[in-house]
Amino acid sequence: MTPIGNKKMRCVYSISVSGKKIIYIGLTGYFERRMRDHLKDSPEILKLIKEYGRNLIITKQLTKYILAEEAIKIEGKLIN
């Protein structure tokens, strides 16, 4: 079973387009569900899928589930 976070534990993730300088950084308490939601309901991600194709969209969990405060710091550094 894959461990999932909660309000205290989060992981940092990215969604990118292969071969392009396009990347989205986020954090979540449940990586698999968040990716499923992004790929199904997120207008920004659906636009990328339409433009580049689903096979070029790369989702990646960048950290383990860590304390939310630390995840927020890492997310901020990666965004900058």
PDB file of N, CA and C in Angstrom:
ATOM      1  N   MET A   1       0.839  -1.180   0.000  1.00  0.00           N
ATOM      2  CA  MET A   1       0.000   0.000   0.000  1.00  0.00           C
ATOM      3  C   MET A   1       0.881   1.240   0.000  1.00  0.00           C
ATOM      4  N   THR A   2       0.557   2.191  -0.835  1.00  0.00           N
ATOM      5  CA  THR A   2       1.312   3.433  -0.927  1.00  0.00           C
ATOM      6  C   THR A   2       0.911   4.343   0.221  1.00  0.00           C
ATOM      7  N   PRO A   3       1.900   4.831   0.989  1.00  0.00           N
ATOM      8  CA  PRO A   3       1.537   5.753   2.066  1.00  0.00           C
ATOM      9  C   PRO A   3       1.018   7.058   1.482  1.00  0.00           C
ATOM     10  N   ILE A   4       0.033   7.626   2.134  1.00  0.00           N
ATOM     11  CA  ILE A   4      -0.475   8.917   1.701  1.00  0.00           C
ATOM     12  C   ILE A   4      -0.359   9.896   2.847  1.00  0.00           C
ATOM     13  N   GLY A   5      -0.319  11.157   2.507  1.00  0.00           N
ATOM     14  CA  GLY A   5      -0.169  12.186   3.521  1.00  0.00           C
ATOM     15  C   GLY A   5      -1.499  12.541   4.162  1.00  0.00           C
ATOM     16  N   ASN A   6      -1.455  13.605   4.906  1.00  0.00           N
ATOM     17  CA  ASN A   6      -2.627  14.149   5.552  1.00  0.00           C
ATOM     18  C   ASN A   6      -2.394  15.645   5.686  1.00  0.00           C
ATOM     19  N   LYS A   7      -3.069  16.311   6.597  1.00  0.00           N
ATOM     20  CA  LYS A   7      -2.874  17.753   6.715  1.00  0.00           C
ATOM     21  C   LYS A   7      -1.457  18.100   7.173  1.00  0.00           C
ATOM     22  N   LYS A   8      -0.787  17.156   7.824  1.00  0.00           N
ATOM     23  CA  LYS A   8       0.563  17.409   8.314  1.00  0.00           C
ATOM     24  C   LYS A   8       1.639  16.899   7.368  1.00  0.00           C
ATOM     25  N   MET A   9       1.290  15.939   6.517  1.00  0.00           N
ATOM     26  CA  MET A   9       2.277  15.323   5.626  1.00  0.00           C
ATOM     27  C   MET A   9       1.870  15.566   4.173  1.00  0.00           C
ATOM     28  N   ARG A  10       2.811  16.026   3.366  1.00  0.00           N
ATOM     29  CA  ARG A  10       2.566  16.321   1.957  1.00  0.00           C
ATOM     30  C   ARG A  10       3.763  15.856   1.132  1.00  0.00           C
ATOM     31  N   CYS A  11       3.539  15.698  -0.158  1.00  0.00           N
ATOM     32  CA  CYS A  11       4.642  15.467  -1.079  1.00  0.00           C
ATOM     33  C   CYS A  11       4.610  16.568  -2.132  1.00  0.00           C
ATOM     34  N   VAL A  12       5.760  16.849  -2.711  1.00  0.00           N
ATOM     35  CA  VAL A  12       5.885  17.825  -3.788  1.00  0.00           C
ATOM     36  C   VAL A  12       5.912  17.041  -5.094  1.00  0.00           C
ATOM     37  N   TYR A  13       5.228  17.554  -6.105  1.00  0.00           N
ATOM     38  CA  TYR A  13       5.154  16.864  -7.393  1.00  0.00           C
ATOM     39  C   TYR A  13       5.306  17.855  -8.533  1.00  0.00           C
ATOM     40  N   SER A  14       5.552  17.307  -9.723  1.00  0.00           N
ATOM     41  CA  SER A  14       5.618  18.147 -10.916  1.00  0.00           C
ATOM     42  C   SER A  14       4.792  17.520 -12.033  1.00  0.00           C
ATOM     43  N   ILE A  15       4.310  18.391 -12.904  1.00  0.00           N
ATOM     44  CA  ILE A  15       3.681  17.977 -14.155  1.00  0.00           C
ATOM     45  C   ILE A  15       4.405  18.771 -15.231  1.00  0.00           C
ATOM     46  N   SER A  16       4.990  18.076 -16.194  1.00  0.00           N
ATOM     47  CA  SER A  16       5.755  18.757 -17.236  1.00  0.00           C
ATOM     48  C   SER A  16       5.401  18.202 -18.601  1.00  0.00           C
ATOM     49  N   VAL A  17       5.899  18.895 -19.616  1.00  0.00           N
ATOM     50  CA  VAL A  17       5.704  18.461 -20.995  1.00  0.00           C
ATOM     51  C   VAL A  17       7.076  18.074 -21.532  1.00  0.00           C
ATOM     52  N   SER A  18       7.216  16.840 -21.978  1.00  0.00           N
ATOM     53  CA  SER A  18       8.485  16.346 -22.487  1.00  0.00           C
ATOM     54  C   SER A  18       8.977  17.211 -23.649  1.00  0.00           C
ATOM     55  N   GLY A  19      10.237  17.651 -23.562  1.00  0.00           N
ATOM     56  CA  GLY A  19      10.850  18.429 -24.625  1.00  0.00           C
ATOM     57  C   GLY A  19      10.493  19.905 -24.623  1.00  0.00           C
ATOM     58  N   LYS A  20       9.704  20.340 -23.648  1.00  0.00           N
ATOM     59  CA  LYS A  20       9.290  21.741 -23.559  1.00  0.00           C
ATOM     60  C   LYS A  20       9.685  22.297 -22.198  1.00  0.00           C
ATOM     61  N   LYS A  21       9.858  23.590 -22.123  1.00  0.00           N
ATOM     62  CA  LYS A  21      10.176  24.239 -20.849  1.00  0.00           C
ATOM     63  C   LYS A  21       8.876  24.651 -20.157  1.00  0.00           C
ATOM     64  N   ILE A  22       8.031  23.650 -19.917  1.00  0.00           N
ATOM     65  CA  ILE A  22       6.743  23.856 -19.266  1.00  0.00           C
ATOM     66  C   ILE A  22       6.708  22.919 -18.064  1.00  0.00           C
ATOM     67  N   ILE A  23       6.508  23.498 -16.866  1.00  0.00           N
ATOM     68  CA  ILE A  23       6.440  22.661 -15.669  1.00  0.00           C
ATOM     69  C   ILE A  23       5.508  23.307 -14.649  1.00  0.00           C
ATOM     70  N   TYR A  24       4.739  22.463 -13.994  1.00  0.00           N
ATOM     71  CA  TYR A  24       3.854  22.877 -12.920  1.00  0.00           C
ATOM     72  C   TYR A  24       4.340  22.171 -11.666  1.00  0.00           C
ATOM     73  N   ILE A  25       4.499  22.904 -10.577  1.00  0.00           N
ATOM     74  CA  ILE A  25       4.928  22.341  -9.301  1.00  0.00           C
ATOM     75  C   ILE A  25       3.770  22.489  -8.315  1.00  0.00           C
ATOM     76  N   GLY A  26       3.500  21.446  -7.552  1.00  0.00           N
ATOM     77  CA  GLY A  26       2.439  21.502  -6.561  1.00  0.00           C
ATOM     78  C   GLY A  26       2.739  20.603  -5.385  1.00  0.00           C
ATOM     79  N   LEU A  27       1.839  20.592  -4.412  1.00  0.00           N
ATOM     80  CA  LEU A  27       1.979  19.666  -3.293  1.00  0.00           C
ATOM     81  C   LEU A  27       0.626  19.076  -2.956  1.00  0.00           C
ATOM     82  N   THR A  28       0.656  17.882  -2.405  1.00  0.00           N
ATOM     83  CA  THR A  28      -0.580  17.150  -2.131  1.00  0.00           C
ATOM     84  C   THR A  28      -0.368  16.139  -1.015  1.00  0.00           C
ATOM     85  N   GLY A  29      -1.462  15.726  -0.439  1.00  0.00           N
ATOM     86  CA  GLY A  29      -1.434  14.665   0.559  1.00  0.00           C
ATOM     87  C   GLY A  29      -1.719  13.294  -0.034  1.00  0.00           C
ATOM     88  N   TYR A  30      -2.041  13.237  -1.321  1.00  0.00           N
ATOM     89  CA  TYR A  30      -2.369  11.955  -1.968  1.00  0.00           C
ATOM     90  C   TYR A  30      -2.025  12.088  -3.447  1.00  0.00           C
ATOM     91  N   PHE A  31      -0.814  11.715  -3.820  1.00  0.00           N
ATOM     92  CA  PHE A  31      -0.271  11.938  -5.158  1.00  0.00           C
ATOM     93  C   PHE A  31      -1.135  11.330  -6.270  1.00  0.00           C
ATOM     94  N   GLU A  32      -1.480  10.052  -6.146  1.00  0.00           N
ATOM     95  CA  GLU A  32      -2.215   9.379  -7.220  1.00  0.00           C
ATOM     96  C   GLU A  32      -3.567  10.046  -7.478  1.00  0.00           C
ATOM     97  N   ARG A  33      -4.285  10.371  -6.416  1.00  0.00           N
ATOM     98  CA  ARG A  33      -5.585  11.013  -6.589  1.00  0.00           C
ATOM     99  C   ARG A  33      -5.429  12.397  -7.203  1.00  0.00           C
ATOM    100  N   ARG A  34      -4.421  13.142  -6.767  1.00  0.00           N
ATOM    101  CA  ARG A  34      -4.211  14.490  -7.301  1.00  0.00           C
ATOM    102  C   ARG A  34      -3.895  14.440  -8.791  1.00  0.00           C
ATOM    103  N   MET A  35      -3.071  13.486  -9.211  1.00  0.00           N
ATOM    104  CA  MET A  35      -2.746  13.366 -10.640  1.00  0.00           C
ATOM    105  C   MET A  35      -3.998  13.007 -11.431  1.00  0.00           C
ATOM    106  N   ARG A  36      -4.774  12.087 -10.907  1.00  0.00           N
ATOM    107  CA  ARG A  36      -6.026  11.701 -11.573  1.00  0.00           C
ATOM    108  C   ARG A  36      -6.939  12.924 -11.721  1.00  0.00           C
ATOM    109  N   ASP A  37      -7.046  13.723 -10.673  1.00  0.00           N
ATOM    110  CA  ASP A  37      -7.882  14.924 -10.731  1.00  0.00           C
ATOM    111  C   ASP A  37      -7.342  15.938 -11.734  1.00  0.00           C
ATOM    112  N   HIS A  38      -6.037  16.171 -11.719  1.00  0.00           N
ATOM    113  CA  HIS A  38      -5.426  17.106 -12.678  1.00  0.00           C
ATOM    114  C   HIS A  38      -5.710  16.672 -14.121  1.00  0.00           C
ATOM    115  N   LEU A  39      -5.497  15.396 -14.401  1.00  0.00           N
ATOM    116  CA  LEU A  39      -5.626  14.899 -15.769  1.00  0.00           C
ATOM    117  C   LEU A  39      -7.081  14.814 -16.228  1.00  0.00           C
ATOM    118  N   LYS A  40      -8.004  14.899 -15.288  1.00  0.00           N
ATOM    119  CA  LYS A  40      -9.421  14.804 -15.626  1.00  0.00           C
ATOM    120  C   LYS A  40     -10.127  16.165 -15.601  1.00  0.00           C
ATOM    121  N   ASP A  41      -9.751  17.033 -14.644  1.00  0.00           N
ATOM    122  CA  ASP A  41     -10.541  18.239 -14.398  1.00  0.00           C
ATOM    123  C   ASP A  41      -9.802  19.566 -14.492  1.00  0.00           C
ATOM    124  N   SER A  42      -8.490  19.568 -14.575  1.00  0.00           N
ATOM    125  CA  SER A  42      -7.736  20.824 -14.546  1.00  0.00           C
ATOM    126  C   SER A  42      -7.695  21.461 -15.938  1.00  0.00           C
ATOM    127  N   PRO A  43      -8.306  22.639 -16.114  1.00  0.00           N
ATOM    128  CA  PRO A  43      -8.314  23.280 -17.437  1.00  0.00           C
ATOM    129  C   PRO A  43      -6.907  23.500 -18.005  1.00  0.00           C
ATOM    130  N   GLU A  44      -5.970  23.884 -17.149  1.00  0.00           N
ATOM    131  CA  GLU A  44      -4.604  24.136 -17.621  1.00  0.00           C
ATOM    132  C   GLU A  44      -3.943  22.859 -18.128  1.00  0.00           C
ATOM    133  N   ILE A  45      -4.106  21.776 -17.387  1.00  0.00           N
ATOM    134  CA  ILE A  45      -3.492  20.501 -17.784  1.00  0.00           C
ATOM    135  C   ILE A  45      -4.219  19.921 -18.995  1.00  0.00           C
ATOM    136  N   LEU A  46      -5.534  20.037 -19.033  1.00  0.00           N
ATOM    137  CA  LEU A  46      -6.286  19.548 -20.203  1.00  0.00           C
ATOM    138  C   LEU A  46      -5.886  20.300 -21.467  1.00  0.00           C
ATOM    139  N   LYS A  47      -5.585  21.583 -21.330  1.00  0.00           N
ATOM    140  CA  LYS A  47      -5.117  22.372 -22.477  1.00  0.00           C
ATOM    141  C   LYS A  47      -3.764  21.848 -22.969  1.00  0.00           C
ATOM    142  N   LEU A  48      -2.863  21.524 -22.026  1.00  0.00           N
ATOM    143  CA  LEU A  48      -1.565  20.965 -22.409  1.00  0.00           C
ATOM    144  C   LEU A  48      -1.737  19.615 -23.102  1.00  0.00           C
ATOM    145  N   ILE A  49      -2.635  18.784 -22.583  1.00  0.00           N
ATOM    146  CA  ILE A  49      -2.883  17.475 -23.192  1.00  0.00           C
ATOM    147  C   ILE A  49      -3.404  17.647 -24.611  1.00  0.00           C
ATOM    148  N   LYS A  50      -4.321  18.582 -24.797  1.00  0.00           N
ATOM    149  CA  LYS A  50      -4.880  18.821 -26.131  1.00  0.00           C
ATOM    150  C   LYS A  50      -3.805  19.317 -27.095  1.00  0.00           C
ATOM    151  N   GLU A  51      -2.921  20.189 -26.602  1.00  0.00           N
ATOM    152  CA  GLU A  51      -1.898  20.779 -27.455  1.00  0.00           C
ATOM    153  C   GLU A  51      -0.733  19.835 -27.754  1.00  0.00           C
ATOM    154  N   TYR A  52      -0.290  19.067 -26.736  1.00  0.00           N
ATOM    155  CA  TYR A  52       0.914  18.245 -26.898  1.00  0.00           C
ATOM    156  C   TYR A  52       0.655  16.748 -26.910  1.00  0.00           C
ATOM    157  N   GLY A  53      -0.522  16.323 -26.462  1.00  0.00           N
ATOM    158  CA  GLY A  53      -0.823  14.892 -26.386  1.00  0.00           C
ATOM    159  C   GLY A  53      -0.521  14.335 -25.010  1.00  0.00           C
ATOM    160  N   ARG A  54      -1.346  13.408 -24.558  1.00  0.00           N
ATOM    161  CA  ARG A  54      -1.199  12.815 -23.217  1.00  0.00           C
ATOM    162  C   ARG A  54       0.140  12.119 -23.043  1.00  0.00           C
ATOM    163  N   ASN A  55       0.665  11.533 -24.109  1.00  0.00           N
ATOM    164  CA  ASN A  55       1.913  10.770 -23.983  1.00  0.00           C
ATOM    165  C   ASN A  55       3.122  11.660 -23.696  1.00  0.00           C
ATOM    166  N   LEU A  56       3.024  12.965 -23.892  1.00  0.00           N
ATOM    167  CA  LEU A  56       4.140  13.871 -23.582  1.00  0.00           C
ATOM    168  C   LEU A  56       4.011  14.527 -22.205  1.00  0.00           C
ATOM    169  N   ILE A  57       2.908  14.287 -21.509  1.00  0.00           N
ATOM    170  CA  ILE A  57       2.714  14.843 -20.171  1.00  0.00           C
ATOM    171  C   ILE A  57       3.368  13.908 -19.160  1.00  0.00           C
ATOM    172  N   ILE A  58       4.286  14.460 -18.368  1.00  0.00           N
ATOM    173  CA  ILE A  58       5.037  13.664 -17.398  1.00  0.00           C
ATOM    174  C   ILE A  58       4.648  14.112 -15.985  1.00  0.00           C
ATOM    175  N   THR A  59       4.134  13.183 -15.195  1.00  0.00           N
ATOM    176  CA  THR A  59       3.839  13.465 -13.797  1.00  0.00           C
ATOM    177  C   THR A  59       4.893  12.771 -12.945  1.00  0.00           C
ATOM    178  N   LYS A  60       5.351  13.469 -11.908  1.00  0.00           N
ATOM    179  CA  LYS A  60       6.439  12.915 -11.106  1.00  0.00           C
ATOM    180  C   LYS A  60       6.303  13.356  -9.652  1.00  0.00           C
ATOM    181  N   GLN A  61       6.388  12.404  -8.744  1.00  0.00           N
ATOM    182  CA  GLN A  61       6.427  12.718  -7.321  1.00  0.00           C
ATOM    183  C   GLN A  61       7.875  13.042  -6.988  1.00  0.00           C
ATOM    184  N   LEU A  62       8.132  14.261  -6.532  1.00  0.00           N
ATOM    185  CA  LEU A  62       9.500  14.736  -6.322  1.00  0.00           C
ATOM    186  C   LEU A  62      10.035  14.457  -4.924  1.00  0.00           C
ATOM    187  N   THR A  63       9.147  14.321  -3.933  1.00  0.00           N
ATOM    188  CA  THR A  63       9.580  14.033  -2.566  1.00  0.00           C
ATOM    189  C   THR A  63       8.734  12.912  -1.987  1.00  0.00           C
ATOM    190  N   LYS A  64       9.212  12.361  -0.903  1.00  0.00           N
ATOM    191  CA  LYS A  64       8.386  11.463  -0.109  1.00  0.00           C
ATOM    192  C   LYS A  64       7.354  12.330   0.605  1.00  0.00           C
ATOM    193  N   TYR A  65       6.465  11.714   1.369  1.00  0.00           N
ATOM    194  CA  TYR A  65       5.546  12.473   2.194  1.00  0.00           C
ATOM    195  C   TYR A  65       6.331  13.016   3.379  1.00  0.00           C
ATOM    196  N   ILE A  66       6.400  14.334   3.455  1.00  0.00           N
ATOM    197  CA  ILE A  66       7.175  15.024   4.480  1.00  0.00           C
ATOM    198  C   ILE A  66       6.270  16.028   5.185  1.00  0.00           C
ATOM    199  N   LEU A  67       6.761  16.612   6.272  1.00  0.00           N
ATOM    200  CA  LEU A  67       5.972  17.617   6.982  1.00  0.00           C
ATOM    201  C   LEU A  67       5.555  18.725   6.021  1.00  0.00           C
ATOM    202  N   ALA A  68       4.306  19.144   6.146  1.00  0.00           N
ATOM    203  CA  ALA A  68       3.743  20.139   5.227  1.00  0.00           C
ATOM    204  C   ALA A  68       4.584  21.408   5.174  1.00  0.00           C
ATOM    205  N   GLU A  69       5.096  21.864   6.306  1.00  0.00           N
ATOM    206  CA  GLU A  69       5.897  23.084   6.333  1.00  0.00           C
ATOM    207  C   GLU A  69       7.147  22.945   5.455  1.00  0.00           C
ATOM    208  N   GLU A  70       7.779  21.785   5.517  1.00  0.00           N
ATOM    209  CA  GLU A  70       8.967  21.538   4.702  1.00  0.00           C
ATOM    210  C   GLU A  70       8.590  21.416   3.229  1.00  0.00           C
ATOM    211  N   ALA A  71       7.466  20.762   2.949  1.00  0.00           N
ATOM    212  CA  ALA A  71       6.995  20.622   1.564  1.00  0.00           C
ATOM    213  C   ALA A  71       6.709  21.995   0.955  1.00  0.00           C
ATOM    214  N   ILE A  72       6.125  22.887   1.741  1.00  0.00           N
ATOM    215  CA  ILE A  72       5.825  24.234   1.260  1.00  0.00           C
ATOM    216  C   ILE A  72       7.115  24.971   0.914  1.00  0.00           C
ATOM    217  N   LYS A  73       8.149  24.825   1.735  1.00  0.00           N
ATOM    218  CA  LYS A  73       9.443  25.460   1.468  1.00  0.00           C
ATOM    219  C   LYS A  73      10.048  24.927   0.164  1.00  0.00           C
ATOM    220  N   ILE A  74      10.013  23.608  -0.001  1.00  0.00           N
ATOM    221  CA  ILE A  74      10.580  22.991  -1.205  1.00  0.00           C
ATOM    222  C   ILE A  74       9.798  23.431  -2.444  1.00  0.00           C
ATOM    223  N   GLU A  75       8.475  23.444  -2.333  1.00  0.00           N
ATOM    224  CA  GLU A  75       7.641  23.882  -3.449  1.00  0.00           C
ATOM    225  C   GLU A  75       8.014  25.320  -3.849  1.00  0.00           C
ATOM    226  N   GLY A  76       8.149  26.203  -2.876  1.00  0.00           N
ATOM    227  CA  GLY A  76       8.508  27.593  -3.163  1.00  0.00           C
ATOM    228  C   GLY A  76       9.850  27.725  -3.851  1.00  0.00           C
ATOM    229  N   LYS A  77      10.839  26.961  -3.379  1.00  0.00           N
ATOM    230  CA  LYS A  77      12.169  26.992  -3.996  1.00  0.00           C
ATOM    231  C   LYS A  77      12.116  26.498  -5.440  1.00  0.00           C
ATOM    232  N   LEU A  78      11.368  25.443  -5.680  1.00  0.00           N
ATOM    233  CA  LEU A  78      11.285  24.894  -7.033  1.00  0.00           C
ATOM    234  C   LEU A  78      10.537  25.841  -7.978  1.00  0.00           C
ATOM    235  N   ILE A  79       9.525  26.514  -7.474  1.00  0.00           N
ATOM    236  CA  ILE A  79       8.794  27.471  -8.306  1.00  0.00           C
ATOM    237  C   ILE A  79       9.687  28.635  -8.704  1.00  0.00           C
ATOM    238  N   ASN A  80      10.477  29.096  -7.758  1.00  0.00           N
ATOM    239  CA  ASN A  80      11.392  30.218  -8.064  1.00  0.00           C
ATOM    240  C   ASN A  80      12.507  29.741  -8.958  1.00  0.00           C
TER     241      ASN A  80
END
